[in-house]
Amino acid sequence: ENKQGIDSLKNELGTKISEIQLLLSHMQQRIDGMETKIQQANAKADEALKLAYKNKTALNMISQNLLQKRMEISGSNIDVTLKGDDLTTKIKELIESFGVTVKDHELIQTFQRTRKQPVLQTPVVVVEFKNLDTKLKVLKARKTALGSKVYFDNSLTPLNRFLMYKAREVAKEKNF
């Protein structure tokens, strides 16, 4: 009787162990399937990130191209209170002091760019020209005007401004 009870118990335990092993095998298959799906999802996410980066780069290039006819003027000679036509007149006078005549139709707009810390920095005036040649003529002429405390620069996208900052940092480190 005891032997039959022990044999019966062994059979039940063997059956239960087989069922548990079968369940574990099914669970392992499901886990393997999930790992495959996770790897596929990660690959898709990587591709999406690469595409997003390419799109961000393309948008930055498009934005920079739209800014090519603009330049920024800053310096202590810029009056922070000027706006509209008064600002345009002052900028035209400044440009003409370098020997370049700019007609009204050659300027699309002038405006002061807002600064995050206006107290610490001089104001920046953005000037947009009708064509790139006029802008280049002004940039070339301002190099000949020595002693001026006015600075001219290209309008840059935030990303390109950051890249220029980093390039200047590296140039200083390398004494270039």
Protein backbone atom coordinates (compact mmCIF):
# COMPACT_ATOMS: atom_id res chain seq x y z
CA GLU A 1 0.00 0.00 0.00
CA ASN A 2 2.75 2.44 0.92
CA LYS A 3 4.66 1.42 -2.16
CA GLN A 4 1.60 2.03 -4.35
CA GLY A 5 1.04 5.42 -2.66
CA ILE A 6 4.67 6.37 -3.23
CA ASP A 7 4.50 5.21 -6.89
CA SER A 8 1.28 7.16 -7.38
CA LEU A 9 2.86 10.23 -5.78
CA LYS A 10 5.94 9.84 -8.02
CA ASN A 11 3.69 9.64 -11.09
CA GLU A 12 1.75 12.73 -10.05
CA LEU A 13 5.00 14.62 -9.33
CA GLY A 14 6.44 13.48 -12.65
CA THR A 15 3.29 14.65 -14.42
CA LYS A 16 3.35 18.00 -12.59
CA ILE A 17 7.08 18.45 -13.31
CA SER A 18 6.42 17.72 -17.00
CA GLU A 19 3.58 20.26 -17.02
CA ILE A 20 5.81 22.86 -15.33
CA GLN A 21 8.61 22.15 -17.83
CA LEU A 22 6.14 22.53 -20.69
CA LEU A 23 4.89 25.83 -19.23
CA LEU A 24 8.49 27.04 -18.78
CA SER A 25 9.26 26.05 -22.35
CA HIS A 26 6.23 28.06 -23.59
CA MET A 27 7.28 31.00 -21.41
CA GLN A 28 10.81 30.85 -22.83
CA GLN A 29 9.39 30.87 -26.37
CA ARG A 30 7.25 33.91 -25.51
CA ILE A 31 10.24 35.68 -23.94
CA ASP A 32 12.34 34.93 -27.03
CA GLY A 33 9.53 36.32 -29.21
CA MET A 34 9.35 39.47 -27.06
CA GLU A 35 13.13 39.93 -27.24
CA THR A 36 12.92 39.70 -31.05
CA LYS A 37 10.12 42.27 -31.11
CA ILE A 38 12.11 44.56 -28.78
CA GLN A 39 15.16 44.31 -31.04
CA GLN A 40 13.00 45.10 -34.08
CA ALA A 41 11.44 48.06 -32.25
CA ASN A 42 14.90 49.32 -31.26
CA ALA A 43 16.09 49.05 -34.86
CA LYS A 44 13.02 51.01 -36.03
CA ALA A 45 13.62 53.63 -33.32
CA ASP A 46 17.27 53.97 -34.43
CA GLU A 47 16.16 54.45 -38.04
CA ALA A 48 13.58 57.03 -36.92
CA LEU A 49 16.27 58.92 -34.97
CA LYS A 50 18.59 58.91 -37.98
CA LEU A 51 15.78 60.22 -40.18
CA ALA A 52 14.90 62.88 -37.61
CA TYR A 53 18.55 63.98 -37.47
CA LYS A 54 18.69 64.19 -41.29
CA ASN A 55 15.46 66.21 -41.28
CA LYS A 56 16.79 68.51 -38.55
CA THR A 57 19.97 69.05 -40.56
CA ALA A 58 17.98 69.71 -43.74
CA LEU A 59 15.69 72.17 -41.95
CA ASN A 60 18.71 73.97 -40.50
CA MET A 61 20.23 74.29 -43.98
CA ILE A 62 16.95 75.63 -45.39
CA SER A 63 16.63 78.09 -42.50
CA GLN A 64 20.21 79.27 -42.97
CA ASN A 65 19.63 79.76 -46.70
CA LEU A 66 16.62 81.95 -45.88
CA LEU A 67 18.90 84.07 -43.70
CA GLN A 68 21.64 84.56 -46.30
CA LYS A 69 20.45 88.06 -47.26
CA ARG A 70 20.50 89.19 -43.62
CA MET A 71 23.29 90.55 -41.51
CA GLU A 72 23.52 91.62 -37.91
CA ILE A 73 25.03 94.89 -36.75
CA SER A 74 26.00 95.45 -33.14
CA GLY A 75 28.13 97.86 -31.19
CA SER A 76 28.09 100.75 -28.81
CA ASN A 77 27.04 103.18 -31.58
CA ILE A 78 23.63 101.52 -31.98
CA ASP A 79 20.79 103.44 -30.32
CA VAL A 80 18.47 101.06 -28.47
CA THR A 81 15.49 103.42 -28.74
CA LEU A 82 15.36 103.60 -32.55
CA LYS A 83 12.63 101.68 -34.34
CA GLY A 84 11.01 101.53 -37.77
CA ASP A 85 11.99 104.24 -40.29
CA ASP A 86 14.31 105.96 -37.81
CA LEU A 87 16.28 102.75 -37.36
CA THR A 88 16.41 102.18 -41.14
CA THR A 89 17.66 105.75 -41.69
CA LYS A 90 20.36 105.34 -39.02
CA ILE A 91 21.52 102.04 -40.53
CA LYS A 92 21.63 103.57 -44.02
CA GLU A 93 23.74 106.44 -42.67
CA LEU A 94 26.09 103.98 -40.99
CA ILE A 95 26.48 101.94 -44.20
CA GLU A 96 27.00 105.09 -46.27
CA SER A 97 29.78 106.15 -43.88
CA PHE A 98 31.70 103.17 -45.30
CA GLY A 99 31.30 104.51 -48.82
CA VAL A 100 28.41 102.27 -49.90
CA THR A 101 25.15 103.82 -51.06
CA VAL A 102 22.07 101.80 -50.21
CA LYS A 103 18.77 102.80 -51.75
CA ASP A 104 15.44 102.33 -49.97
CA HIS A 105 14.34 99.54 -52.29
CA GLU A 106 17.54 97.57 -51.51
CA LEU A 107 16.54 97.18 -47.84
CA ILE A 108 13.66 94.87 -47.06
CA GLN A 109 13.60 95.39 -43.30
CA THR A 110 15.57 96.47 -40.26
CA PHE A 111 14.72 95.56 -36.70
CA GLN A 112 16.36 95.10 -33.33
CA ARG A 113 16.74 91.50 -32.25
CA THR A 114 15.75 90.92 -28.66
CA ARG A 115 18.43 89.67 -26.30
CA LYS A 116 18.05 87.37 -23.34
CA GLN A 117 20.30 89.64 -21.28
CA PRO A 118 19.88 93.14 -22.75
CA VAL A 119 21.69 94.86 -19.89
CA LEU A 120 24.91 92.91 -20.40
CA GLN A 121 25.17 93.12 -24.17
CA THR A 122 24.88 95.75 -26.85
CA PRO A 123 21.80 95.75 -29.04
CA VAL A 124 21.78 93.82 -32.31
CA VAL A 125 20.11 95.22 -35.41
CA VAL A 126 19.14 92.78 -38.14
CA VAL A 127 19.25 94.17 -41.66
CA GLU A 128 17.70 92.24 -44.53
CA PHE A 129 18.75 93.19 -48.06
CA LYS A 130 16.84 92.59 -51.25
CA ASN A 131 19.80 90.80 -52.78
CA LEU A 132 22.95 89.11 -51.56
CA ASP A 133 25.29 91.31 -53.63
CA THR A 134 24.36 94.41 -51.63
CA LYS A 135 25.01 92.61 -48.36
CA LEU A 136 28.41 91.39 -49.58
CA LYS A 137 29.30 94.89 -50.80
CA VAL A 138 28.54 96.28 -47.32
CA LEU A 139 30.51 93.54 -45.57
CA LYS A 140 33.50 94.17 -47.83
CA ALA A 141 33.36 97.96 -47.34
CA ARG A 142 33.15 97.77 -43.56
CA LYS A 143 36.55 96.03 -43.47
CA THR A 144 38.13 99.21 -44.78
CA ALA A 145 36.55 101.35 -42.04
CA LEU A 146 39.12 101.17 -39.26
CA GLY A 147 38.43 102.35 -35.74
CA SER A 148 34.71 101.70 -35.88
CA LYS A 149 33.08 100.25 -32.80
CA VAL A 150 30.36 98.65 -34.88
CA TYR A 151 30.44 94.95 -35.66
CA PHE A 152 28.88 93.22 -38.65
CA ASP A 153 28.08 89.54 -38.79
CA ASN A 154 25.98 87.10 -40.79
CA SER A 155 22.60 86.09 -39.41
CA LEU A 156 22.86 82.50 -38.25
CA THR A 157 20.41 79.86 -37.14
CA PRO A 158 20.71 78.86 -33.47
CA LEU A 159 22.44 75.62 -34.47
CA ASN A 160 24.95 77.39 -36.73
CA ARG A 161 25.54 80.05 -34.06
CA PHE A 162 26.34 77.23 -31.59
CA LEU A 163 28.67 75.57 -34.12
CA MET A 164 30.51 78.87 -34.69
CA TYR A 165 30.87 79.29 -30.92
CA LYS A 166 32.37 75.80 -30.62
CA ALA A 167 34.68 76.43 -33.59
CA ARG A 168 35.99 79.63 -31.94
CA GLU A 169 36.51 77.70 -28.69
CA VAL A 170 38.60 75.04 -30.45
CA ALA A 171 40.52 77.71 -32.39
CA LYS A 172 41.47 79.40 -29.10
CA GLU A 173 42.56 76.08 -27.57
CA LYS A 174 44.75 75.31 -30.61
CA ASN A 175 46.06 78.91 -30.86
CA PHE A 176 44.73 79.12 -34.39
